[in-house]
Amino acid sequence: MNIMYNNLVVPEELETDAEDILHNAFIATEASKANQFRGRLDYRVEPRLAVVTGGALAWYAFSNMADTFEYSYLAGEEEMMVEVVNSTDVDGMEIKVRKDFGAGLVDYRGMAKSKGAA
C-alpha cells in the first residue's frame, strides 16, 4: 500500500529516545550521514501505553494517508447539550452539560505496532 507513517505514539519510557532521534541533531552510524528521521515524524507521549501493550518498549506508528479511526456524534448533535433547571428550593440554578461522542477503529492499515524488542 506504500503508506508512509508520520506520527509515533510512545510510552513515557521512550520519550527521551524519541526526542533524541526525531528532533535533535542525532547523527546516524556514519559521521557523514545526517539524521534521516529529523523533521519527518511527530511523536506523542501516552503514559498508559506501557500498561496497555504489556511492555515499556512497544510503540505505535500512524499515517495520515489512510483513515484509521473515525469519530461521530450520537443523534447528530455536534454541539454541547445544555439543560438548565431552575429550582425553587435554592437561589440559583443547575446547569447540566454533556456531549455524546463515539470513536472506533475503521482500518488497521493506517497504523503499525512495534514490540520494541528484536
PDB file of N, CA and C in Angstrom:
ATOM      1  N   MET A   1       0.814  -1.203   0.000  1.00  0.00           N
ATOM      2  CA  MET A   1       0.000   0.000   0.000  1.00  0.00           C
ATOM      3  C   MET A   1       0.853   1.260   0.000  1.00  0.00           C
ATOM      4  N   ASN A   2       2.132   1.139   0.245  1.00  0.00           N
ATOM      5  CA  ASN A   2       3.065   2.262   0.197  1.00  0.00           C
ATOM      6  C   ASN A   2       2.651   3.391   1.142  1.00  0.00           C
ATOM      7  N   ILE A   3       2.338   3.024   2.376  1.00  0.00           N
ATOM      8  CA  ILE A   3       1.934   4.010   3.384  1.00  0.00           C
ATOM      9  C   ILE A   3       3.169   4.520   4.109  1.00  0.00           C
ATOM     10  N   MET A   4       3.263   5.830   4.228  1.00  0.00           N
ATOM     11  CA  MET A   4       4.350   6.447   4.979  1.00  0.00           C
ATOM     12  C   MET A   4       3.782   6.946   6.301  1.00  0.00           C
ATOM     13  N   TYR A   5       4.421   6.563   7.391  1.00  0.00           N
ATOM     14  CA  TYR A   5       3.958   6.954   8.711  1.00  0.00           C
ATOM     15  C   TYR A   5       4.534   8.316   9.080  1.00  0.00           C
ATOM     16  N   ASN A   6       3.719   9.108   9.778  1.00  0.00           N
ATOM     17  CA  ASN A   6       4.172  10.445  10.140  1.00  0.00           C
ATOM     18  C   ASN A   6       3.932  10.797  11.607  1.00  0.00           C
ATOM     19  N   ASN A   7       3.365   9.891  12.381  1.00  0.00           N
ATOM     20  CA  ASN A   7       3.144  10.126  13.801  1.00  0.00           C
ATOM     21  C   ASN A   7       3.530   8.889  14.594  1.00  0.00           C
ATOM     22  N   LEU A   8       4.266   9.085  15.665  1.00  0.00           N
ATOM     23  CA  LEU A   8       4.612   7.994  16.571  1.00  0.00           C
ATOM     24  C   LEU A   8       3.933   8.229  17.904  1.00  0.00           C
ATOM     25  N   VAL A   9       3.466   7.156  18.519  1.00  0.00           N
ATOM     26  CA  VAL A   9       2.929   7.229  19.877  1.00  0.00           C
ATOM     27  C   VAL A   9       3.805   6.322  20.725  1.00  0.00           C
ATOM     28  N   VAL A  10       4.462   6.920  21.703  1.00  0.00           N
ATOM     29  CA  VAL A  10       5.426   6.191  22.522  1.00  0.00           C
ATOM     30  C   VAL A  10       5.036   6.286  23.998  1.00  0.00           C
ATOM     31  N   PRO A  11       5.434   5.285  24.801  1.00  0.00           N
ATOM     32  CA  PRO A  11       5.211   5.388  26.246  1.00  0.00           C
ATOM     33  C   PRO A  11       6.198   6.373  26.869  1.00  0.00           C
ATOM     34  N   GLU A  12       5.958   6.705  28.120  1.00  0.00           N
ATOM     35  CA  GLU A  12       6.832   7.651  28.820  1.00  0.00           C
ATOM     36  C   GLU A  12       8.287   7.201  28.830  1.00  0.00           C
ATOM     37  N   GLU A  13       8.491   5.883  28.905  1.00  0.00           N
ATOM     38  CA  GLU A  13       9.846   5.347  28.990  1.00  0.00           C
ATOM     39  C   GLU A  13      10.665   5.628  27.730  1.00  0.00           C
ATOM     40  N   LEU A  14      10.008   5.853  26.598  1.00  0.00           N
ATOM     41  CA  LEU A  14      10.703   6.100  25.331  1.00  0.00           C
ATOM     42  C   LEU A  14      10.664   7.564  24.907  1.00  0.00           C
ATOM     43  N   GLU A  15      10.157   8.439  25.750  1.00  0.00           N
ATOM     44  CA  GLU A  15      10.013   9.850  25.374  1.00  0.00           C
ATOM     45  C   GLU A  15      11.362  10.487  25.036  1.00  0.00           C
ATOM     46  N   THR A  16      12.354  10.279  25.858  1.00  0.00           N
ATOM     47  CA  THR A  16      13.670  10.881  25.624  1.00  0.00           C
ATOM     48  C   THR A  16      14.313  10.323  24.361  1.00  0.00           C
ATOM     49  N   ASP A  17      14.175   9.014  24.140  1.00  0.00           N
ATOM     50  CA  ASP A  17      14.732   8.404  22.926  1.00  0.00           C
ATOM     51  C   ASP A  17      14.067   8.968  21.673  1.00  0.00           C
ATOM     52  N   ALA A  18      12.748   9.090  21.699  1.00  0.00           N
ATOM     53  CA  ALA A  18      12.030   9.640  20.540  1.00  0.00           C
ATOM     54  C   ALA A  18      12.441  11.077  20.281  1.00  0.00           C
ATOM     55  N   GLU A  19      12.586  11.842  21.339  1.00  0.00           N
ATOM     56  CA  GLU A  19      13.006  13.236  21.208  1.00  0.00           C
ATOM     57  C   GLU A  19      14.412  13.333  20.612  1.00  0.00           C
ATOM     58  N   ASP A  20      15.310  12.495  21.097  1.00  0.00           N
ATOM     59  CA  ASP A  20      16.684  12.496  20.584  1.00  0.00           C
ATOM     60  C   ASP A  20      16.737  12.133  19.105  1.00  0.00           C
ATOM     61  N   ILE A  21      16.025  11.090  18.732  1.00  0.00           N
ATOM     62  CA  ILE A  21      16.087  10.606  17.350  1.00  0.00           C
ATOM     63  C   ILE A  21      15.370  11.541  16.379  1.00  0.00           C
ATOM     64  N   LEU A  22      14.209  12.049  16.779  1.00  0.00           N
ATOM     65  CA  LEU A  22      13.365  12.786  15.836  1.00  0.00           C
ATOM     66  C   LEU A  22      13.631  14.282  15.774  1.00  0.00           C
ATOM     67  N   HIS A  23      14.158  14.874  16.830  1.00  0.00           N
ATOM     68  CA  HIS A  23      14.251  16.324  16.832  1.00  0.00           C
ATOM     69  C   HIS A  23      15.644  16.890  17.072  1.00  0.00           C
ATOM     70  N   ASN A  24      16.489  16.153  17.697  1.00  0.00           N
ATOM     71  CA  ASN A  24      17.829  16.671  17.953  1.00  0.00           C
ATOM     72  C   ASN A  24      18.766  16.374  16.790  1.00  0.00           C
ATOM     73  N   ALA A  25      19.953  16.856  16.867  1.00  0.00           N
ATOM     74  CA  ALA A  25      20.936  16.649  15.800  1.00  0.00           C
ATOM     75  C   ALA A  25      21.615  15.293  15.979  1.00  0.00           C
ATOM     76  N   PHE A  26      20.816  14.260  16.035  1.00  0.00           N
ATOM     77  CA  PHE A  26      21.310  12.894  16.182  1.00  0.00           C
ATOM     78  C   PHE A  26      22.019  12.474  14.897  1.00  0.00           C
ATOM     79  N   ILE A  27      23.190  11.940  15.012  1.00  0.00           N
ATOM     80  CA  ILE A  27      23.956  11.507  13.849  1.00  0.00           C
ATOM     81  C   ILE A  27      23.848   9.992  13.721  1.00  0.00           C
ATOM     82  N   ALA A  28      23.600   9.528  12.522  1.00  0.00           N
ATOM     83  CA  ALA A  28      23.461   8.098  12.275  1.00  0.00           C
ATOM     84  C   ALA A  28      24.811   7.398  12.393  1.00  0.00           C
ATOM     85  N   THR A  29      24.922   6.166  11.922  1.00  0.00           N
ATOM     86  CA  THR A  29      26.110   5.343  12.135  1.00  0.00           C
ATOM     87  C   THR A  29      27.376   5.961  11.573  1.00  0.00           C
ATOM     88  N   GLU A  30      27.316   6.564  10.416  1.00  0.00           N
ATOM     89  CA  GLU A  30      28.498   7.204   9.837  1.00  0.00           C
ATOM     90  C   GLU A  30      28.494   8.684  10.179  1.00  0.00           C
ATOM     91  N   ALA A  31      29.657   9.215  10.425  1.00  0.00           N
ATOM     92  CA  ALA A  31      29.761  10.617  10.822  1.00  0.00           C
ATOM     93  C   ALA A  31      29.292  11.560   9.714  1.00  0.00           C
ATOM     94  N   SER A  32      29.365  11.121   8.460  1.00  0.00           N
ATOM     95  CA  SER A  32      28.992  11.994   7.350  1.00  0.00           C
ATOM     96  C   SER A  32      27.496  11.960   7.042  1.00  0.00           C
ATOM     97  N   LYS A  33      26.764  11.018   7.624  1.00  0.00           N
ATOM     98  CA  LYS A  33      25.340  10.875   7.342  1.00  0.00           C
ATOM     99  C   LYS A  33      24.515  11.742   8.285  1.00  0.00           C
ATOM    100  N   ALA A  34      23.555  12.438   7.739  1.00  0.00           N
ATOM    101  CA  ALA A  34      22.645  13.226   8.570  1.00  0.00           C
ATOM    102  C   ALA A  34      21.490  12.334   9.026  1.00  0.00           C
ATOM    103  N   ASN A  35      20.796  12.769  10.047  1.00  0.00           N
ATOM    104  CA  ASN A  35      19.655  12.016  10.572  1.00  0.00           C
ATOM    105  C   ASN A  35      18.497  12.090   9.587  1.00  0.00           C
ATOM    106  N   GLN A  36      18.128  10.968   9.010  1.00  0.00           N
ATOM    107  CA  GLN A  36      17.062  10.946   8.006  1.00  0.00           C
ATOM    108  C   GLN A  36      15.666  11.076   8.603  1.00  0.00           C
ATOM    109  N   PHE A  37      15.505  10.892   9.901  1.00  0.00           N
ATOM    110  CA  PHE A  37      14.193  10.981  10.536  1.00  0.00           C
ATOM    111  C   PHE A  37      13.875  12.379  11.061  1.00  0.00           C
ATOM    112  N   ARG A  38      14.852  13.242  11.095  1.00  0.00           N
ATOM    113  CA  ARG A  38      14.654  14.571  11.660  1.00  0.00           C
ATOM    114  C   ARG A  38      13.639  15.367  10.845  1.00  0.00           C
ATOM    115  N   GLY A  39      12.606  15.821  11.518  1.00  0.00           N
ATOM    116  CA  GLY A  39      11.581  16.634  10.887  1.00  0.00           C
ATOM    117  C   GLY A  39      10.532  15.860  10.091  1.00  0.00           C
ATOM    118  N   ARG A  40      10.676  14.556   9.930  1.00  0.00           N
ATOM    119  CA  ARG A  40       9.714  13.772   9.154  1.00  0.00           C
ATOM    120  C   ARG A  40       8.591  13.204   9.997  1.00  0.00           C
ATOM    121  N   LEU A  41       8.858  12.979  11.273  1.00  0.00           N
ATOM    122  CA  LEU A  41       7.875  12.348  12.147  1.00  0.00           C
ATOM    123  C   LEU A  41       7.590  13.226  13.362  1.00  0.00           C
ATOM    124  N   ASP A  42       6.348  13.221  13.781  1.00  0.00           N
ATOM    125  CA  ASP A  42       5.958  13.834  15.045  1.00  0.00           C
ATOM    126  C   ASP A  42       5.747  12.710  16.047  1.00  0.00           C
ATOM    127  N   TYR A  43       5.825  13.023  17.316  1.00  0.00           N
ATOM    128  CA  TYR A  43       5.572  11.987  18.305  1.00  0.00           C
ATOM    129  C   TYR A  43       4.652  12.506  19.403  1.00  0.00           C
ATOM    130  N   ARG A  44       3.939  11.586  19.996  1.00  0.00           N
ATOM    131  CA  ARG A  44       3.058  11.860  21.119  1.00  0.00           C
ATOM    132  C   ARG A  44       3.444  10.898  22.237  1.00  0.00           C
ATOM    133  N   VAL A  45       3.364  11.353  23.450  1.00  0.00           N
ATOM    134  CA  VAL A  45       3.675  10.511  24.605  1.00  0.00           C
ATOM    135  C   VAL A  45       2.362  10.134  25.284  1.00  0.00           C
ATOM    136  N   GLU A  46       2.159   8.851  25.439  1.00  0.00           N
ATOM    137  CA  GLU A  46       0.967   8.342  26.118  1.00  0.00           C
ATOM    138  C   GLU A  46       1.415   7.550  27.341  1.00  0.00           C
ATOM    139  N   PRO A  47       1.193   8.077  28.546  1.00  0.00           N
ATOM    140  CA  PRO A  47       1.679   7.424  29.762  1.00  0.00           C
ATOM    141  C   PRO A  47       1.095   6.027  29.989  1.00  0.00           C
ATOM    142  N   ARG A  48      -0.113   5.759  29.503  1.00  0.00           N
ATOM    143  CA  ARG A  48      -0.762   4.457  29.740  1.00  0.00           C
ATOM    144  C   ARG A  48      -0.393   3.400  28.718  1.00  0.00           C
ATOM    145  N   LEU A  49       0.396   3.751  27.721  1.00  0.00           N
ATOM    146  CA  LEU A  49       0.708   2.817  26.638  1.00  0.00           C
ATOM    147  C   LEU A  49       1.470   1.592  27.119  1.00  0.00           C
ATOM    148  N   ALA A  50       2.369   1.742  28.054  1.00  0.00           N
ATOM    149  CA  ALA A  50       3.141   0.602  28.562  1.00  0.00           C
ATOM    150  C   ALA A  50       2.232  -0.413  29.249  1.00  0.00           C
ATOM    151  N   VAL A  51       1.202   0.050  29.907  1.00  0.00           N
ATOM    152  CA  VAL A  51       0.271  -0.852  30.580  1.00  0.00           C
ATOM    153  C   VAL A  51      -0.599  -1.587  29.563  1.00  0.00           C
ATOM    154  N   VAL A  52      -1.074  -0.876  28.562  1.00  0.00           N
ATOM    155  CA  VAL A  52      -1.969  -1.457  27.560  1.00  0.00           C
ATOM    156  C   VAL A  52      -1.241  -2.465  26.674  1.00  0.00           C
ATOM    157  N   THR A  53      -0.021  -2.136  26.251  1.00  0.00           N
ATOM    158  CA  THR A  53       0.713  -3.014  25.337  1.00  0.00           C
ATOM    159  C   THR A  53       1.457  -4.128  26.057  1.00  0.00           C
ATOM    160  N   GLY A  54       1.602  -4.022  27.363  1.00  0.00           N
ATOM    161  CA  GLY A  54       2.277  -5.053  28.122  1.00  0.00           C
ATOM    162  C   GLY A  54       3.795  -4.945  28.121  1.00  0.00           C
ATOM    163  N   GLY A  55       4.325  -3.830  27.653  1.00  0.00           N
ATOM    164  CA  GLY A  55       5.766  -3.640  27.652  1.00  0.00           C
ATOM    165  C   GLY A  55       6.127  -2.175  27.541  1.00  0.00           C
ATOM    166  N   ALA A  56       7.235  -1.805  28.168  1.00  0.00           N
ATOM    167  CA  ALA A  56       7.648  -0.404  28.182  1.00  0.00           C
ATOM    168  C   ALA A  56       8.358   0.001  26.897  1.00  0.00           C
ATOM    169  N   LEU A  57       8.639  -0.947  26.004  1.00  0.00           N
ATOM    170  CA  LEU A  57       9.361  -0.618  24.779  1.00  0.00           C
ATOM    171  C   LEU A  57       8.472  -0.617  23.535  1.00  0.00           C
ATOM    172  N   ALA A  58       7.221  -1.015  23.659  1.00  0.00           N
ATOM    173  CA  ALA A  58       6.319  -1.064  22.498  1.00  0.00           C
ATOM    174  C   ALA A  58       5.843   0.341  22.133  1.00  0.00           C
ATOM    175  N   TRP A  59       5.688   0.591  20.833  1.00  0.00           N
ATOM    176  CA  TRP A  59       5.206   1.879  20.355  1.00  0.00           C
ATOM    177  C   TRP A  59       4.398   1.687  19.082  1.00  0.00           C
ATOM    178  N   TYR A  60       3.633   2.708  18.701  1.00  0.00           N
ATOM    179  CA  TYR A  60       2.784   2.677  17.503  1.00  0.00           C
ATOM    180  C   TYR A  60       3.194   3.763  16.525  1.00  0.00           C
ATOM    181  N   ALA A  61       3.002   3.490  15.249  1.00  0.00           N
ATOM    182  CA  ALA A  61       3.187   4.486  14.191  1.00  0.00           C
ATOM    183  C   ALA A  61       1.851   4.648  13.465  1.00  0.00           C
ATOM    184  N   PHE A  62       1.486   5.882  13.153  1.00  0.00           N
ATOM    185  CA  PHE A  62       0.231   6.188  12.474  1.00  0.00           C
ATOM    186  C   PHE A  62       0.494   7.015  11.224  1.00  0.00           C
ATOM    187  N   SER A  63      -0.393   6.875  10.244  1.00  0.00           N
ATOM    188  CA  SER A  63      -0.274   7.596   8.990  1.00  0.00           C
ATOM    189  C   SER A  63      -1.513   8.442   8.747  1.00  0.00           C
ATOM    190  N   ASN A  64      -1.317   9.598   8.133  1.00  0.00           N
ATOM    191  CA  ASN A  64      -2.442  10.424   7.708  1.00  0.00           C
ATOM    192  C   ASN A  64      -2.949  10.020   6.324  1.00  0.00           C
ATOM    193  N   MET A  65      -2.274   9.064   5.701  1.00  0.00           N
ATOM    194  CA  MET A  65      -2.633   8.660   4.342  1.00  0.00           C
ATOM    195  C   MET A  65      -3.828   7.715   4.306  1.00  0.00           C
ATOM    196  N   ALA A  66      -4.169   7.094   5.419  1.00  0.00           N
ATOM    197  CA  ALA A  66      -5.289   6.161   5.476  1.00  0.00           C
ATOM    198  C   ALA A  66      -6.145   6.480   6.692  1.00  0.00           C
ATOM    199  N   ASP A  67      -7.454   6.353   6.547  1.00  0.00           N
ATOM    200  CA  ASP A  67      -8.356   6.578   7.674  1.00  0.00           C
ATOM    201  C   ASP A  67      -8.270   5.382   8.611  1.00  0.00           C
ATOM    202  N   THR A  68      -7.758   5.626   9.796  1.00  0.00           N
ATOM    203  CA  THR A  68      -7.612   4.563  10.778  1.00  0.00           C
ATOM    204  C   THR A  68      -8.750   4.594  11.787  1.00  0.00           C
ATOM    205  N   PHE A  69      -9.076   5.767  12.255  1.00  0.00           N
ATOM    206  CA  PHE A  69     -10.154   5.927  13.226  1.00  0.00           C
ATOM    207  C   PHE A  69     -11.220   6.844  12.650  1.00  0.00           C
ATOM    208  N   GLU A  70     -12.426   6.672  13.164  1.00  0.00           N
ATOM    209  CA  GLU A  70     -13.500   7.583  12.798  1.00  0.00           C
ATOM    210  C   GLU A  70     -14.226   7.977  14.072  1.00  0.00           C
ATOM    211  N   TYR A  71     -14.712   9.183  14.090  1.00  0.00           N
ATOM    212  CA  TYR A  71     -15.488   9.628  15.235  1.00  0.00           C
ATOM    213  C   TYR A  71     -16.791  10.214  14.744  1.00  0.00           C
ATOM    214  N   SER A  72     -17.788  10.159  15.609  1.00  0.00           N
ATOM    215  CA  SER A  72     -19.093  10.686  15.241  1.00  0.00           C
ATOM    216  C   SER A  72     -19.823  11.141  16.504  1.00  0.00           C
ATOM    217  N   TYR A  73     -20.875  11.854  16.283  1.00  0.00           N
ATOM    218  CA  TYR A  73     -21.695  12.359  17.368  1.00  0.00           C
ATOM    219  C   TYR A  73     -23.006  11.603  17.367  1.00  0.00           C
ATOM    220  N   LEU A  74     -23.454  11.200  18.522  1.00  0.00           N
ATOM    221  CA  LEU A  74     -24.705  10.476  18.631  1.00  0.00           C
ATOM    222  C   LEU A  74     -25.875  11.411  18.357  1.00  0.00           C
ATOM    223  N   ALA A  75     -26.826  10.925  17.611  1.00  0.00           N
ATOM    224  CA  ALA A  75     -28.026  11.680  17.239  1.00  0.00           C
ATOM    225  C   ALA A  75     -27.685  12.951  16.472  1.00  0.00           C
ATOM    226  N   GLY A  76     -26.511  13.021  15.869  1.00  0.00           N
ATOM    227  CA  GLY A  76     -26.130  14.172  15.060  1.00  0.00           C
ATOM    228  C   GLY A  76     -25.895  15.442  15.844  1.00  0.00           C
ATOM    229  N   GLU A  77     -25.775  15.340  17.141  1.00  0.00           N
ATOM    230  CA  GLU A  77     -25.581  16.524  17.998  1.00  0.00           C
ATOM    231  C   GLU A  77     -24.102  16.847  18.098  1.00  0.00           C
ATOM    232  N   GLU A  78     -23.629  17.784  17.293  1.00  0.00           N
ATOM    233  CA  GLU A  78     -22.222  18.164  17.329  1.00  0.00           C
ATOM    234  C   GLU A  78     -21.929  19.204  18.396  1.00  0.00           C
ATOM    235  N   GLU A  79     -22.935  19.906  18.836  1.00  0.00           N
ATOM    236  CA  GLU A  79     -22.751  20.938  19.858  1.00  0.00           C
ATOM    237  C   GLU A  79     -22.967  20.328  21.242  1.00  0.00           C
ATOM    238  N   MET A  80     -22.546  21.059  22.252  1.00  0.00           N
ATOM    239  CA  MET A  80     -22.792  20.638  23.627  1.00  0.00           C
ATOM    240  C   MET A  80     -24.290  20.701  23.912  1.00  0.00           C
ATOM    241  N   MET A  81     -24.795  19.694  24.612  1.00  0.00           N
ATOM    242  CA  MET A  81     -26.204  19.702  25.010  1.00  0.00           C
ATOM    243  C   MET A  81     -26.279  20.292  26.412  1.00  0.00           C
ATOM    244  N   VAL A  82     -27.085  21.342  26.563  1.00  0.00           N
ATOM    245  CA  VAL A  82     -27.170  22.077  27.821  1.00  0.00           C
ATOM    246  C   VAL A  82     -28.599  21.991  28.334  1.00  0.00           C
ATOM    247  N   GLU A  83     -28.732  21.638  29.615  1.00  0.00           N
ATOM    248  CA  GLU A  83     -30.030  21.632  30.279  1.00  0.00           C
ATOM    249  C   GLU A  83     -29.939  22.556  31.484  1.00  0.00           C
ATOM    250  N   VAL A  84     -30.880  23.459  31.602  1.00  0.00           N
ATOM    251  CA  VAL A  84     -30.916  24.394  32.732  1.00  0.00           C
ATOM    252  C   VAL A  84     -32.146  24.078  33.563  1.00  0.00           C
ATOM    253  N   VAL A  85     -31.929  23.877  34.863  1.00  0.00           N
ATOM    254  CA  VAL A  85     -33.027  23.586  35.783  1.00  0.00           C
ATOM    255  C   VAL A  85     -33.094  24.706  36.808  1.00  0.00           C
ATOM    256  N   ASN A  86     -34.204  25.441  36.790  1.00  0.00           N
ATOM    257  CA  ASN A  86     -34.420  26.478  37.796  1.00  0.00           C
ATOM    258  C   ASN A  86     -35.095  25.836  38.992  1.00  0.00           C
ATOM    259  N   SER A  87     -34.516  26.044  40.148  1.00  0.00           N
ATOM    260  CA  SER A  87     -35.033  25.418  41.360  1.00  0.00           C
ATOM    261  C   SER A  87     -35.676  26.468  42.249  1.00  0.00           C
ATOM    262  N   THR A  88     -36.752  26.078  42.910  1.00  0.00           N
ATOM    263  CA  THR A  88     -37.387  26.986  43.864  1.00  0.00           C
ATOM    264  C   THR A  88     -36.854  26.758  45.267  1.00  0.00           C
ATOM    265  N   ASP A  89     -36.080  25.679  45.453  1.00  0.00           N
ATOM    266  CA  ASP A  89     -35.537  25.362  46.780  1.00  0.00           C
ATOM    267  C   ASP A  89     -34.351  26.252  47.142  1.00  0.00           C
ATOM    268  N   VAL A  90     -33.558  26.619  46.175  1.00  0.00           N
ATOM    269  CA  VAL A  90     -32.367  27.424  46.433  1.00  0.00           C
ATOM    270  C   VAL A  90     -32.356  28.612  45.477  1.00  0.00           C
ATOM    271  N   ASP A  91     -31.594  29.626  45.857  1.00  0.00           N
ATOM    272  CA  ASP A  91     -31.437  30.766  44.967  1.00  0.00           C
ATOM    273  C   ASP A  91     -30.341  30.420  43.964  1.00  0.00           C
ATOM    274  N   GLY A  92     -30.718  29.975  42.826  1.00  0.00           N
ATOM    275  CA  GLY A  92     -29.743  29.597  41.817  1.00  0.00           C
ATOM    276  C   GLY A  92     -30.359  28.637  40.812  1.00  0.00           C
ATOM    277  N   MET A  93     -29.508  28.071  40.022  1.00  0.00           N
ATOM    278  CA  MET A  93     -29.971  27.130  39.013  1.00  0.00           C
ATOM    279  C   MET A  93     -28.926  26.045  38.805  1.00  0.00           C
ATOM    280  N   GLU A  94     -29.375  24.924  38.292  1.00  0.00           N
ATOM    281  CA  GLU A  94     -28.478  23.841  37.946  1.00  0.00           C
ATOM    282  C   GLU A  94     -28.308  23.834  36.435  1.00  0.00           C
ATOM    283  N   ILE A  95     -27.073  23.646  36.009  1.00  0.00           N
ATOM    284  CA  ILE A  95     -26.791  23.567  34.578  1.00  0.00           C
ATOM    285  C   ILE A  95     -26.087  22.239  34.315  1.00  0.00           C
ATOM    286  N   LYS A  96     -26.682  21.436  33.452  1.00  0.00           N
ATOM    287  CA  LYS A  96     -26.068  20.164  33.060  1.00  0.00           C
ATOM    288  C   LYS A  96     -25.598  20.288  31.613  1.00  0.00           C
ATOM    289  N   VAL A  97     -24.353  19.893  31.375  1.00  0.00           N
ATOM    290  CA  VAL A  97     -23.782  19.957  30.034  1.00  0.00           C
ATOM    291  C   VAL A  97     -23.219  18.584  29.695  1.00  0.00           C
ATOM    292  N   ARG A  98     -23.496  18.118  28.488  1.00  0.00           N
ATOM    293  CA  ARG A  98     -22.938  16.833  28.057  1.00  0.00           C
ATOM    294  C   ARG A  98     -22.717  16.846  26.559  1.00  0.00           C
ATOM    295  N   LYS A  99     -21.859  15.938  26.143  1.00  0.00           N
ATOM    296  CA  LYS A  99     -21.574  15.779  24.720  1.00  0.00           C
ATOM    297  C   LYS A  99     -21.523  14.285  24.442  1.00  0.00           C
ATOM    298  N   ASP A 100     -22.356  13.833  23.535  1.00  0.00           N
ATOM    299  CA  ASP A 100     -22.394  12.425  23.161  1.00  0.00           C
ATOM    300  C   ASP A 100     -21.483  12.224  21.962  1.00  0.00           C
ATOM    301  N   PHE A 101     -20.445  11.423  22.156  1.00  0.00           N
ATOM    302  CA  PHE A 101     -19.387  11.288  21.171  1.00  0.00           C
ATOM    303  C   PHE A 101     -18.950   9.834  21.131  1.00  0.00           C
ATOM    304  N   GLY A 102     -18.640   9.356  19.946  1.00  0.00           N
ATOM    305  CA  GLY A 102     -18.148   7.987  19.820  1.00  0.00           C
ATOM    306  C   GLY A 102     -16.986   7.916  18.849  1.00  0.00           C
ATOM    307  N   ALA A 103     -16.096   6.960  19.072  1.00  0.00           N
ATOM    308  CA  ALA A 103     -14.949   6.761  18.186  1.00  0.00           C
ATOM    309  C   ALA A 103     -14.721   5.273  18.015  1.00  0.00           C
ATOM    310  N   GLY A 104     -14.169   4.904  16.863  1.00  0.00           N
ATOM    311  CA  GLY A 104     -13.907   3.490  16.615  1.00  0.00           C
ATOM    312  C   GLY A 104     -12.857   3.292  15.533  1.00  0.00           C
ATOM    313  N   LEU A 105     -12.329   2.092  15.492  1.00  0.00           N
ATOM    314  CA  LEU A 105     -11.315   1.710  14.517  1.00  0.00           C
ATOM    315  C   LEU A 105     -11.993   1.380  13.188  1.00  0.00           C
ATOM    316  N   VAL A 106     -11.521   1.996  12.108  1.00  0.00           N
ATOM    317  CA  VAL A 106     -12.072   1.762  10.783  1.00  0.00           C
ATOM    318  C   VAL A 106     -11.210   0.763  10.016  1.00  0.00           C
ATOM    319  N   ASP A 107      -9.898   1.010   9.991  1.00  0.00           N
ATOM    320  CA  ASP A 107      -8.990   0.170   9.215  1.00  0.00           C
ATOM    321  C   ASP A 107      -7.634   0.138   9.906  1.00  0.00           C
ATOM    322  N   TYR A 108      -7.108  -1.042  10.128  1.00  0.00           N
ATOM    323  CA  TYR A 108      -5.845  -1.196  10.840  1.00  0.00           C
ATOM    324  C   TYR A 108      -4.633  -0.847   9.990  1.00  0.00           C
ATOM    325  N   ARG A 109      -4.784  -0.702   8.687  1.00  0.00           N
ATOM    326  CA  ARG A 109      -3.631  -0.490   7.809  1.00  0.00           C
ATOM    327  C   ARG A 109      -2.998   0.887   7.929  1.00  0.00           C
ATOM    328  N   GLY A 110      -3.651   1.806   8.593  1.00  0.00           N
ATOM    329  CA  GLY A 110      -3.090   3.128   8.789  1.00  0.00           C
ATOM    330  C   GLY A 110      -2.199   3.222  10.018  1.00  0.00           C
ATOM    331  N   MET A 111      -1.985   2.076  10.681  1.00  0.00           N
ATOM    332  CA  MET A 111      -1.122   2.081  11.867  1.00  0.00           C
ATOM    333  C   MET A 111      -0.287   0.818  11.914  1.00  0.00           C
ATOM    334  N   ALA A 112       0.801   0.886  12.651  1.00  0.00           N
ATOM    335  CA  ALA A 112       1.682  -0.265  12.827  1.00  0.00           C
ATOM    336  C   ALA A 112       2.162  -0.263  14.271  1.00  0.00           C
ATOM    337  N   LYS A 113       2.367  -1.461  14.801  1.00  0.00           N
ATOM    338  CA  LYS A 113       2.859  -1.598  16.168  1.00  0.00           C
ATOM    339  C   LYS A 113       4.245  -2.232  16.154  1.00  0.00           C
ATOM    340  N   SER A 114       5.126  -1.682  16.959  1.00  0.00           N
ATOM    341  CA  SER A 114       6.420  -2.274  17.169  1.00  0.00           C
ATOM    342  C   SER A 114       6.494  -2.801  18.591  1.00  0.00           C
ATOM    343  N   LYS A 115       6.923  -4.029  18.744  1.00  0.00           N
ATOM    344  CA  LYS A 115       7.050  -4.605  20.085  1.00  0.00           C
ATOM    345  C   LYS A 115       8.225  -3.988  20.838  1.00  0.00           C
ATOM    346  N   GLY A 116       9.121  -3.359  20.107  1.00  0.00           N
ATOM    347  CA  GLY A 116      10.235  -2.664  20.727  1.00  0.00           C
ATOM    348  C   GLY A 116      11.432  -3.542  21.038  1.00  0.00           C
ATOM    349  N   ALA A 117      11.311  -4.820  20.831  1.00  0.00           N
ATOM    350  CA  ALA A 117      12.417  -5.731  21.085  1.00  0.00           C
ATOM    351  C   ALA A 117      12.667  -6.561  19.836  1.00  0.00           C
ATOM    352  N   ALA A 118      13.918  -6.846  19.584  1.00  0.00           N
ATOM    353  CA  ALA A 118      14.260  -7.614  18.386  1.00  0.00           C
ATOM    354  C   ALA A 118      13.948  -9.083  18.559  1.00  0.00           C
TER     355      ALA A 118
END
